[in-house]
């Protein structure tokens, strides 16, 4: 997948897309932060992922912490993505979920209630 500025979709977990952002509509995009509204489509993996059901949850997406990209330091990339669930949310998720992005990406950090 080619990276793009202001993507309309974004895979969050698993190469098979068991958690992805879709229908992203960007309302702010600056060199320091970006904000969008969209939907987090999450596979409930019940009874297992291949037979699971995708459920849609409205979210506000926030990109922050721009850092130089290792492959081209002239280019900056956002290194933190936060989701705020504006209504229902997947089982086990907090209202705010934060992911580290980029070369040093790690597992999501869940914060808030």
C-alpha atoms as a PDB file:
ATOM      1  CA  UNK A   1       0.000   0.000   0.000  1.00  0.00           C
ATOM      2  CA  UNK A   2       1.371   3.406  -0.919  1.00  0.00           C
ATOM      3  CA  UNK A   3       1.446   5.925   1.926  1.00  0.00           C
ATOM      4  CA  UNK A   4      -0.539   9.073   1.367  1.00  0.00           C
ATOM      5  CA  UNK A   5      -1.298  12.335   3.029  1.00  0.00           C
ATOM      6  CA  UNK A   6      -4.848  12.454   4.389  1.00  0.00           C
ATOM      7  CA  UNK A   7      -5.682   8.776   3.882  1.00  0.00           C
ATOM      8  CA  UNK A   8      -9.340   7.725   3.783  1.00  0.00           C
ATOM      9  CA  UNK A   9      -8.501   4.288   5.270  1.00  0.00           C
ATOM     10  CA  UNK A  10      -5.834   3.045   7.690  1.00  0.00           C
ATOM     11  CA  UNK A  11      -5.114  -0.482   8.984  1.00  0.00           C
ATOM     12  CA  UNK A  12      -4.572  -0.464  12.751  1.00  0.00           C
ATOM     13  CA  UNK A  13      -4.081  -4.135  13.582  1.00  0.00           C
ATOM     14  CA  UNK A  14      -3.182  -7.305  11.761  1.00  0.00           C
ATOM     15  CA  UNK A  15      -2.174  -7.427   8.117  1.00  0.00           C
ATOM     16  CA  UNK A  16      -5.617  -8.836   7.371  1.00  0.00           C
ATOM     17  CA  UNK A  17      -7.287  -5.662   8.631  1.00  0.00           C
ATOM     18  CA  UNK A  18      -9.130  -6.938  11.714  1.00  0.00           C
ATOM     19  CA  UNK A  19      -9.139  -3.356  12.974  1.00  0.00           C
ATOM     20  CA  UNK A  20      -9.123  -0.534  10.468  1.00  0.00           C
ATOM     21  CA  UNK A  21     -10.204   3.049  10.094  1.00  0.00           C
ATOM     22  CA  UNK A  22     -12.531   3.768   7.187  1.00  0.00           C
ATOM     23  CA  UNK A  23     -14.468   6.734   5.793  1.00  0.00           C
ATOM     24  CA  UNK A  24     -11.961   9.213   7.216  1.00  0.00           C
ATOM     25  CA  UNK A  25     -12.880  12.866   6.620  1.00  0.00           C
ATOM     26  CA  UNK A  26     -10.091  15.227   7.663  1.00  0.00           C
ATOM     27  CA  UNK A  27     -11.168  18.485   9.318  1.00  0.00           C
ATOM     28  CA  UNK A  28      -7.668  19.687  10.272  1.00  0.00           C
ATOM     29  CA  UNK A  29      -4.221  18.986   8.832  1.00  0.00           C
ATOM     30  CA  UNK A  30      -1.180  21.013   9.894  1.00  0.00           C
ATOM     31  CA  UNK A  31       2.481  20.239  10.408  1.00  0.00           C
ATOM     32  CA  UNK A  32       1.798  19.524  14.098  1.00  0.00           C
ATOM     33  CA  UNK A  33      -1.543  17.728  14.199  1.00  0.00           C
ATOM     34  CA  UNK A  34      -4.316  16.270  12.077  1.00  0.00           C
ATOM     35  CA  UNK A  35      -7.916  15.481  13.023  1.00  0.00           C
ATOM     36  CA  UNK A  36     -10.541  13.378  11.242  1.00  0.00           C
ATOM     37  CA  UNK A  37     -13.917  11.787  11.852  1.00  0.00           C
ATOM     38  CA  UNK A  38     -14.527   8.278  10.665  1.00  0.00           C
ATOM     39  CA  UNK A  39     -15.344   4.707  11.610  1.00  0.00           C
ATOM     40  CA  UNK A  40     -13.253   2.036  13.328  1.00  0.00           C
ATOM     41  CA  UNK A  41     -14.292  -1.278  11.742  1.00  0.00           C
ATOM     42  CA  UNK A  42     -13.322  -4.013  14.221  1.00  0.00           C
ATOM     43  CA  UNK A  43     -13.642  -7.790  13.800  1.00  0.00           C
ATOM     44  CA  UNK A  44     -15.103  -9.282  16.997  1.00  0.00           C
ATOM     45  CA  UNK A  45     -13.249 -12.556  16.180  1.00  0.00           C
ATOM     46  CA  UNK A  46     -16.110 -14.622  17.628  1.00  0.00           C
ATOM     47  CA  UNK A  47     -15.897 -17.571  17.595  1.00  0.00           C
ATOM     48  CA  UNK A  48     -12.543 -16.903  15.826  1.00  0.00           C
ATOM     49  CA  UNK A  49     -11.322 -14.148  13.496  1.00  0.00           C
ATOM     50  CA  UNK A  50     -11.988 -15.896  10.171  1.00  0.00           C
ATOM     51  CA  UNK A  51     -15.629 -16.403  11.221  1.00  0.00           C
ATOM     52  CA  UNK A  52     -16.000 -13.112  13.108  1.00  0.00           C
ATOM     53  CA  UNK A  53     -18.248 -10.151  12.389  1.00  0.00           C
ATOM     54  CA  UNK A  54     -17.044  -6.628  11.655  1.00  0.00           C
ATOM     55  CA  UNK A  55     -18.681  -3.996  13.810  1.00  0.00           C
ATOM     56  CA  UNK A  56     -18.494  -0.249  13.158  1.00  0.00           C
ATOM     57  CA  UNK A  57     -17.751   2.351  15.815  1.00  0.00           C
ATOM     58  CA  UNK A  58     -17.688   6.114  15.142  1.00  0.00           C
ATOM     59  CA  UNK A  59     -14.396   7.745  16.153  1.00  0.00           C
ATOM     60  CA  UNK A  60     -12.470  10.980  16.119  1.00  0.00           C
ATOM     61  CA  UNK A  61      -8.893  10.342  14.946  1.00  0.00           C
ATOM     62  CA  UNK A  62      -6.019  12.559  16.029  1.00  0.00           C
ATOM     63  CA  UNK A  63      -2.466  12.381  14.631  1.00  0.00           C
ATOM     64  CA  UNK A  64       0.315  14.068  16.623  1.00  0.00           C
ATOM     65  CA  UNK A  65       4.024  14.096  17.472  1.00  0.00           C
ATOM     66  CA  UNK A  66       5.573  14.625  14.040  1.00  0.00           C
ATOM     67  CA  UNK A  67       9.161  13.381  13.781  1.00  0.00           C
ATOM     68  CA  UNK A  68      11.692  13.234  10.927  1.00  0.00           C
ATOM     69  CA  UNK A  69      11.310  10.100   8.818  1.00  0.00           C
ATOM     70  CA  UNK A  70      14.456   7.918   9.021  1.00  0.00           C
ATOM     71  CA  UNK A  71      14.481   7.231   5.258  1.00  0.00           C
ATOM     72  CA  UNK A  72      14.291  10.939   4.409  1.00  0.00           C
ATOM     73  CA  UNK A  73      14.811  13.356   7.339  1.00  0.00           C
ATOM     74  CA  UNK A  74      13.354  16.193   5.227  1.00  0.00           C
ATOM     75  CA  UNK A  75       9.984  14.425   5.509  1.00  0.00           C
ATOM     76  CA  UNK A  76       8.135  14.398   8.819  1.00  0.00           C
ATOM     77  CA  UNK A  77       5.724  11.689   9.901  1.00  0.00           C
ATOM     78  CA  UNK A  78       3.147  11.616  12.662  1.00  0.00           C
ATOM     79  CA  UNK A  79       4.202   9.137  15.350  1.00  0.00           C
ATOM     80  CA  UNK A  80       1.095   9.008  17.545  1.00  0.00           C
ATOM     81  CA  UNK A  81      -2.494   8.192  16.570  1.00  0.00           C
ATOM     82  CA  UNK A  82      -5.332   8.513  19.088  1.00  0.00           C
ATOM     83  CA  UNK A  83      -8.886   7.286  18.676  1.00  0.00           C
ATOM     84  CA  UNK A  84     -11.745   8.739  20.681  1.00  0.00           C
ATOM     85  CA  UNK A  85     -14.849   6.560  20.519  1.00  0.00           C
ATOM     86  CA  UNK A  86     -17.799   8.943  20.334  1.00  0.00           C
ATOM     87  CA  UNK A  87     -20.439   6.328  21.152  1.00  0.00           C
ATOM     88  CA  UNK A  88     -20.271   2.568  21.540  1.00  0.00           C
ATOM     89  CA  UNK A  89     -16.824   0.969  21.517  1.00  0.00           C
ATOM     90  CA  UNK A  90     -15.445  -2.551  21.089  1.00  0.00           C
ATOM     91  CA  UNK A  91     -15.454  -4.840  24.098  1.00  0.00           C
ATOM     92  CA  UNK A  92     -12.372  -4.238  26.257  1.00  0.00           C
ATOM     93  CA  UNK A  93     -11.513  -0.855  24.712  1.00  0.00           C
ATOM     94  CA  UNK A  94     -11.255   2.375  26.673  1.00  0.00           C
ATOM     95  CA  UNK A  95     -12.920   5.532  25.338  1.00  0.00           C
ATOM     96  CA  UNK A  96      -9.485   6.767  24.177  1.00  0.00           C
ATOM     97  CA  UNK A  97      -6.947   4.425  22.553  1.00  0.00           C
ATOM     98  CA  UNK A  98      -3.478   5.637  21.527  1.00  0.00           C
ATOM     99  CA  UNK A  99      -1.119   3.911  19.068  1.00  0.00           C
ATOM    100  CA  UNK A 100       2.563   4.646  18.482  1.00  0.00           C
ATOM    101  CA  UNK A 101       3.306   4.873  14.749  1.00  0.00           C
ATOM    102  CA  UNK A 102       6.403   4.861  12.615  1.00  0.00           C
ATOM    103  CA  UNK A 103       9.746   3.113  12.797  1.00  0.00           C
ATOM    104  CA  UNK A 104       9.506   2.516  16.546  1.00  0.00           C
ATOM    105  CA  UNK A 105       5.841   1.460  16.557  1.00  0.00           C
ATOM    106  CA  UNK A 106       4.671  -0.589  19.482  1.00  0.00           C
ATOM    107  CA  UNK A 107       1.454  -2.089  20.771  1.00  0.00           C
ATOM    108  CA  UNK A 108      -1.425   0.337  21.374  1.00  0.00           C
ATOM    109  CA  UNK A 109      -1.425   2.267  24.604  1.00  0.00           C
ATOM    110  CA  UNK A 110      -4.936   2.479  26.032  1.00  0.00           C
ATOM    111  CA  UNK A 111      -5.687   5.567  28.067  1.00  0.00           C
ATOM    112  CA  UNK A 112      -8.740   7.294  29.475  1.00  0.00           C
ATOM    113  CA  UNK A 113     -12.158   5.875  30.274  1.00  0.00           C
END
